[in-house]
Amino acid sequence: MNRDAQDTGAIRFGPAGISDSFAGQGYKTSLDIPAYTAGMGLDAFEYQCGHGVRLAETKARKMAALAAEKGVVFSVHAPYYISMASPDEEKRLGSIRYLLQSCAVCRALGGRRVVFHPGSCGKMSRADALARASDTLRRALEALDRAGYADMTLCPETMGKLGQLGDLDEVLALCGLDARLVPCIDFGHLNARSLGGIAGKADYAAILDRMGEALGDERARRFHIHFSRIEYSNGGEKKHWTFADTRFGPEPAPLMELLAERNLAPVVICESAGTQAEDACAMRRMYADAPRQGR
């Protein structure tokens, strides 16, 4: 597989977008993101393009230079309205264009990883939706190759609502299409769609084991993580909360213990509601304090 900029062999922690404390600490523009992130003791940042790719590449390159000085690596979250399984051909072609746009700005930011939502099943069976999304994703990879983005890493994300395409096995099936597809395992989403199925360390271990079995390569060690506490209803994901909102799971500490025990090196992105940088720091501390073999 291609080795992306985050395949350094070391785990990274960071936030998804800017926390509420960004402005409170006197930071004002996106050019301040690297200094803010490093100042919080973090070394990853996921730039949010959920509502469209609007960051100019000239500004992104300035951010990349500042991030390189601080040891911060960017990833990008592609637009939320990507729909790989849509029965509408134009929407699927549009999804490919959005991935190309996301890759362009991610490269300008000095990153390689682009996270995207696989889409909705709609009225299709899950098998049909997966087949359609797989076809779109193959075409997207071909488009990336033609556009000169063969070195970019696409990360299909596990989703939180039951009607969405993107349970664990579906994401792993998508990643089986090509070695440059790296899973984004959102443990909050998986807990929400399983209605509280991540109750402890054994449940996390089962997810990691399944990923290792399905991928069988370094992607199972250097994958991408999204994490937050998420409220859910019978349909799955309802609302993101913060680590202080302990009414909602899953608990981060058992996962951090497993990452340390197994010497895994993912990029861990926190998606808490407003305290994502602070909660990313909390996970970094949990990871650092976790017991390791020989320690």
Protein backbone atom coordinates (compact mmCIF):
# COMPACT_ATOMS: atom_id res chain seq x y z
CA MET A 1 0.00 0.00 0.00
CA ASN A 2 1.03 3.60 -0.31
CA ARG A 3 2.64 5.03 2.81
CA ASP A 4 0.82 8.19 3.72
CA ALA A 5 2.12 11.14 5.70
CA GLN A 6 0.53 9.75 8.86
CA ASP A 7 2.15 6.31 8.53
CA THR A 8 5.04 7.31 10.77
CA GLY A 9 4.83 4.37 13.14
CA ALA A 10 3.69 6.62 16.00
CA ILE A 11 0.19 7.24 17.27
CA ARG A 12 -1.21 10.76 16.79
CA PHE A 13 -3.99 12.61 18.60
CA GLY A 14 -5.99 15.65 17.54
CA PRO A 15 -9.37 17.32 17.19
CA ALA A 16 -11.95 17.42 14.43
CA GLY A 17 -12.19 21.14 13.75
CA ILE A 18 -11.59 23.89 16.27
CA SER A 19 -12.76 23.67 19.89
CA ASP A 20 -14.61 26.42 21.70
CA SER A 21 -11.32 27.26 23.46
CA PHE A 22 -9.68 28.30 20.17
CA ALA A 23 -11.08 31.83 20.28
CA GLY A 24 -10.83 31.92 24.05
CA GLN A 25 -7.07 31.52 23.78
CA GLY A 26 -6.87 34.48 21.42
CA TYR A 27 -6.62 32.60 18.13
CA LYS A 28 -8.50 34.07 15.20
CA THR A 29 -7.89 32.47 11.80
CA SER A 30 -7.22 29.07 10.27
CA LEU A 31 -3.55 30.03 10.02
CA ASP A 32 -3.50 29.77 13.83
CA ILE A 33 -4.64 26.13 13.82
CA PRO A 34 -1.13 24.60 13.89
CA ALA A 35 -0.01 26.79 16.81
CA TYR A 36 -3.22 26.10 18.72
CA THR A 37 -3.04 22.36 18.11
CA ALA A 38 0.61 22.06 19.11
CA GLY A 39 0.01 24.33 22.09
CA MET A 40 -2.58 21.88 23.34
CA GLY A 41 0.02 19.10 23.13
CA LEU A 42 -1.57 17.50 20.06
CA ASP A 43 -0.06 16.54 16.70
CA ALA A 44 -3.02 15.90 14.37
CA PHE A 45 -5.90 18.02 13.11
CA GLU A 46 -8.83 17.02 10.94
CA TYR A 47 -9.92 19.95 8.80
CA GLN A 48 -13.68 19.94 8.32
CA CYS A 49 -15.06 20.27 4.79
CA GLY A 50 -18.41 18.75 5.73
CA HIS A 51 -20.39 21.54 4.12
CA GLY A 52 -18.14 21.91 1.10
CA VAL A 53 -14.48 22.34 0.20
CA ARG A 54 -14.06 26.08 0.70
CA LEU A 55 -10.46 26.45 1.85
CA ALA A 56 -8.30 28.07 -0.81
CA GLU A 57 -5.28 25.96 -1.71
CA THR A 58 -2.94 28.96 -1.35
CA LYS A 59 -4.03 29.38 2.26
CA ALA A 60 -3.89 25.63 2.82
CA ARG A 61 -0.25 25.60 1.73
CA LYS A 62 0.55 28.35 4.23
CA MET A 63 -1.16 26.28 6.93
CA ALA A 64 0.86 23.23 5.84
CA ALA A 65 4.16 25.09 6.26
CA LEU A 66 3.16 26.26 9.75
CA ALA A 67 1.98 22.76 10.66
CA ALA A 68 5.26 21.19 9.53
CA GLU A 69 7.13 23.51 11.88
CA LYS A 70 4.92 22.37 14.78
CA GLY A 71 4.87 18.66 13.94
CA VAL A 72 1.13 18.71 13.23
CA VAL A 73 -0.33 16.58 10.43
CA PHE A 74 -3.63 17.39 8.74
CA SER A 75 -6.35 15.08 7.52
CA VAL A 76 -9.55 16.25 5.82
CA HIS A 77 -13.18 15.31 6.33
CA ALA A 78 -14.88 15.34 2.92
CA PRO A 79 -18.38 16.84 2.41
CA TYR A 80 -21.20 15.13 4.30
CA TYR A 81 -23.38 14.98 1.21
CA ILE A 82 -21.19 12.42 -0.52
CA SER A 83 -23.48 9.52 -1.44
CA MET A 84 -21.54 6.62 -2.89
CA ALA A 85 -24.59 4.34 -2.99
CA SER A 86 -27.06 6.77 -4.51
CA PRO A 87 -29.28 5.35 -7.30
CA ASP A 88 -28.85 8.74 -9.00
CA GLU A 89 -25.84 8.57 -11.31
CA GLU A 90 -25.31 12.33 -11.15
CA LYS A 91 -25.09 12.21 -7.35
CA ARG A 92 -22.53 9.45 -7.56
CA LEU A 93 -20.48 11.40 -10.09
CA GLY A 94 -20.79 14.43 -7.82
CA SER A 95 -19.48 12.35 -4.93
CA ILE A 96 -16.39 11.52 -6.99
CA ARG A 97 -15.86 15.24 -7.69
CA TYR A 98 -16.14 16.05 -3.98
CA LEU A 99 -13.51 13.44 -3.20
CA LEU A 100 -11.21 14.94 -5.82
CA GLN A 101 -11.72 18.41 -4.33
CA SER A 102 -11.04 17.05 -0.84
CA CYS A 103 -7.84 15.35 -2.01
CA ALA A 104 -6.65 18.60 -3.59
CA VAL A 105 -7.05 20.61 -0.40
CA CYS A 106 -5.69 17.76 1.76
CA ARG A 107 -2.54 17.63 -0.35
CA ALA A 108 -2.20 21.41 -0.09
CA LEU A 109 -2.45 21.01 3.70
CA GLY A 110 0.41 18.53 3.60
CA GLY A 111 -1.84 15.59 4.53
CA ARG A 112 -2.84 12.39 2.80
CA ARG A 113 -5.97 11.11 4.57
CA VAL A 114 -9.46 12.03 3.38
CA VAL A 115 -12.34 10.71 5.49
CA PHE A 116 -15.76 10.29 3.88
CA HIS A 117 -19.23 8.95 4.66
CA PRO A 118 -20.25 6.01 2.45
CA GLY A 119 -23.86 7.22 2.20
CA SER A 120 -27.35 5.90 2.84
CA CYS A 121 -28.98 2.61 1.96
CA GLY A 122 -32.25 4.35 1.10
CA LYS A 123 -34.78 1.80 -0.15
CA MET A 124 -32.08 -0.61 -1.31
CA SER A 125 -31.02 -3.73 0.49
CA ARG A 126 -27.73 -3.35 2.35
CA ALA A 127 -26.09 -5.73 -0.12
CA ASP A 128 -27.24 -3.68 -3.11
CA ALA A 129 -26.17 -0.42 -1.46
CA LEU A 130 -22.73 -1.86 -0.73
CA ALA A 131 -22.37 -3.10 -4.31
CA ARG A 132 -23.29 0.33 -5.68
CA ALA A 133 -20.94 2.12 -3.27
CA SER A 134 -18.14 -0.28 -4.19
CA ASP A 135 -18.61 0.51 -7.86
CA THR A 136 -18.54 4.26 -7.15
CA LEU A 137 -15.45 3.90 -5.01
CA ARG A 138 -13.60 1.97 -7.73
CA ARG A 139 -14.44 4.74 -10.17
CA ALA A 140 -13.31 7.33 -7.64
CA LEU A 141 -9.92 5.63 -7.31
CA GLU A 142 -9.55 5.61 -11.08
CA ALA A 143 -10.41 9.33 -11.15
CA LEU A 144 -7.82 10.01 -8.43
CA ASP A 145 -5.21 8.14 -10.45
CA ARG A 146 -5.97 10.17 -13.57
CA ALA A 147 -5.84 13.43 -11.59
CA GLY A 148 -2.47 12.61 -10.00
CA TYR A 149 -3.76 11.70 -6.54
CA ALA A 150 -2.73 8.05 -6.48
CA ASP A 151 -0.75 8.74 -3.30
CA MET A 152 -3.79 9.92 -1.35
CA THR A 153 -5.49 7.72 1.24
CA LEU A 154 -9.29 7.50 1.33
CA CYS A 155 -10.88 6.53 4.65
CA PRO A 156 -14.49 5.28 4.56
CA GLU A 157 -16.06 5.89 7.97
CA THR A 158 -18.26 3.64 10.08
CA MET A 159 -21.60 5.39 10.54
CA GLY A 160 -23.93 5.86 13.50
CA LYS A 161 -27.45 5.58 12.09
CA LEU A 162 -28.90 2.16 11.28
CA GLY A 163 -30.18 3.33 7.89
CA GLN A 164 -26.73 4.45 6.78
CA LEU A 165 -24.29 2.31 4.88
CA GLY A 166 -21.24 1.86 7.06
CA ASP A 167 -21.36 -0.81 9.69
CA LEU A 168 -18.00 -2.37 10.53
CA ASP A 169 -18.13 -5.17 7.97
CA GLU A 170 -19.36 -2.84 5.22
CA VAL A 171 -16.49 -0.43 5.76
CA LEU A 172 -14.00 -3.29 5.83
CA ALA A 173 -15.50 -4.62 2.59
CA LEU A 174 -14.99 -1.22 0.97
CA CYS A 175 -11.40 -1.17 2.20
CA GLY A 176 -10.90 -4.59 0.61
CA LEU A 177 -11.20 -2.97 -2.83
CA ASP A 178 -7.74 -1.38 -2.73
CA ALA A 179 -4.78 -1.27 -0.37
CA ARG A 180 -4.85 2.54 -0.20
CA LEU A 181 -8.27 2.50 1.47
CA VAL A 182 -7.86 2.80 5.23
CA PRO A 183 -10.83 2.38 7.57
CA CYS A 184 -11.99 5.26 9.74
CA ILE A 185 -13.40 3.44 12.75
CA ASP A 186 -15.77 5.74 14.61
CA PHE A 187 -16.29 3.92 17.90
CA GLY A 188 -19.00 6.35 19.01
CA HIS A 189 -20.90 5.58 15.81
CA LEU A 190 -20.48 1.83 16.25
CA ASN A 191 -21.71 2.08 19.82
CA ALA A 192 -24.72 4.13 18.70
CA ARG A 193 -25.74 1.87 15.81
CA SER A 194 -25.43 -1.20 18.08
CA LEU A 195 -27.53 0.62 20.73
CA GLY A 196 -24.78 0.51 23.34
CA GLY A 197 -22.89 -2.53 22.08
CA ILE A 198 -19.48 -1.28 23.25
CA ALA A 199 -19.72 -1.96 26.96
CA GLY A 200 -16.09 -2.66 27.77
CA LYS A 201 -12.61 -3.69 26.70
CA ALA A 202 -13.70 -7.01 25.19
CA ASP A 203 -16.06 -5.24 22.79
CA TYR A 204 -13.28 -2.93 21.60
CA ALA A 205 -10.98 -5.94 21.23
CA ALA A 206 -13.54 -7.72 19.05
CA ILE A 207 -13.66 -4.73 16.69
CA LEU A 208 -9.87 -4.51 16.46
CA ASP A 209 -9.63 -8.28 15.93
CA ARG A 210 -12.22 -8.20 13.14
CA MET A 211 -10.34 -5.37 11.44
CA GLY A 212 -7.08 -7.27 11.64
CA GLU A 213 -8.66 -10.41 10.19
CA ALA A 214 -10.30 -8.52 7.32
CA LEU A 215 -7.34 -6.36 6.31
CA GLY A 216 -4.38 -8.56 7.16
CA ASP A 217 -1.85 -5.77 6.71
CA GLU A 218 -0.44 -2.61 8.30
CA ARG A 219 -3.74 -0.78 7.82
CA ALA A 220 -5.01 -2.65 10.89
CA ARG A 221 -2.22 -1.01 12.89
CA ARG A 222 -2.21 2.46 11.33
CA PHE A 223 -5.90 3.00 10.78
CA HIS A 224 -7.94 6.15 11.46
CA ILE A 225 -10.11 6.68 14.54
CA HIS A 226 -12.98 9.01 15.31
CA PHE A 227 -14.09 9.07 18.93
CA SER A 228 -16.75 10.85 20.95
CA ARG A 229 -19.53 10.10 23.39
CA ILE A 230 -22.75 9.88 21.39
CA GLU A 231 -26.37 9.85 22.48
CA TYR A 232 -28.53 7.43 20.50
CA SER A 233 -32.14 6.37 19.99
CA ASN A 234 -33.67 3.27 18.40
CA GLY A 235 -32.45 4.51 15.00
CA GLY A 236 -28.87 4.94 16.17
CA GLU A 237 -26.85 8.16 16.47
CA LYS A 238 -28.65 11.19 17.84
CA LYS A 239 -26.16 13.73 19.24
CA HIS A 240 -22.46 14.17 20.03
CA TRP A 241 -21.53 15.10 23.60
CA THR A 242 -18.32 15.76 25.55
CA PHE A 243 -16.23 13.52 27.78
CA ALA A 244 -17.79 15.30 30.77
CA ASP A 245 -21.20 13.99 29.70
CA THR A 246 -20.71 10.54 31.22
CA ARG A 247 -24.36 9.58 30.67
CA PHE A 248 -23.31 8.61 27.18
CA GLY A 249 -20.75 6.12 25.93
CA PRO A 250 -18.57 4.61 24.91
CA GLU A 251 -15.80 4.94 27.48
CA PRO A 252 -12.45 5.97 25.96
CA ALA A 253 -10.04 4.50 28.54
CA PRO A 254 -10.43 0.79 27.61
CA LEU A 255 -9.72 1.59 23.96
CA MET A 256 -6.61 3.60 24.85
CA GLU A 257 -5.41 0.66 26.95
CA LEU A 258 -5.82 -1.70 23.99
CA LEU A 259 -4.01 0.64 21.60
CA ALA A 260 -1.09 0.75 24.01
CA GLU A 261 -1.07 -2.98 24.75
CA ARG A 262 -1.14 -3.89 21.06
CA ASN A 263 1.33 -1.19 20.00
CA LEU A 264 -1.13 0.20 17.46
CA ALA A 265 -0.42 3.53 15.76
CA PRO A 266 -3.67 5.04 14.47
CA VAL A 267 -4.51 8.70 14.04
CA VAL A 268 -7.02 9.39 16.83
CA ILE A 269 -9.40 12.25 16.07
CA CYS A 270 -11.80 13.45 18.75
CA GLU A 271 -15.25 14.66 17.68
CA SER A 272 -16.59 15.88 21.03
CA ALA A 273 -19.07 18.76 20.89
CA GLY A 274 -16.94 21.84 21.55
CA THR A 275 -14.21 20.24 23.69
CA GLN A 276 -12.64 18.09 21.01
CA ALA A 277 -9.09 19.34 21.59
CA GLU A 278 -9.38 19.00 25.36
CA ASP A 279 -10.84 15.52 25.08
CA ALA A 280 -8.16 14.52 22.56
CA CYS A 281 -5.64 15.56 25.22
CA ALA A 282 -7.47 13.39 27.73
CA MET A 283 -7.15 10.39 25.41
CA ARG A 284 -3.46 11.09 24.90
CA ARG A 285 -3.00 11.04 28.70
CA MET A 286 -4.99 7.79 28.99
CA TYR A 287 -2.81 6.25 26.31
CA ALA A 288 0.41 7.44 27.96
CA ASP A 289 -0.69 6.07 31.35
CA ALA A 290 -1.90 2.73 30.01
CA PRO A 291 0.03 -0.39 31.09
CA ARG A 292 2.33 -1.93 28.50
CA GLN A 293 4.15 -5.23 28.29
CA GLY A 294 7.48 -5.01 30.06
CA ARG A 295 6.56 -1.82 31.88
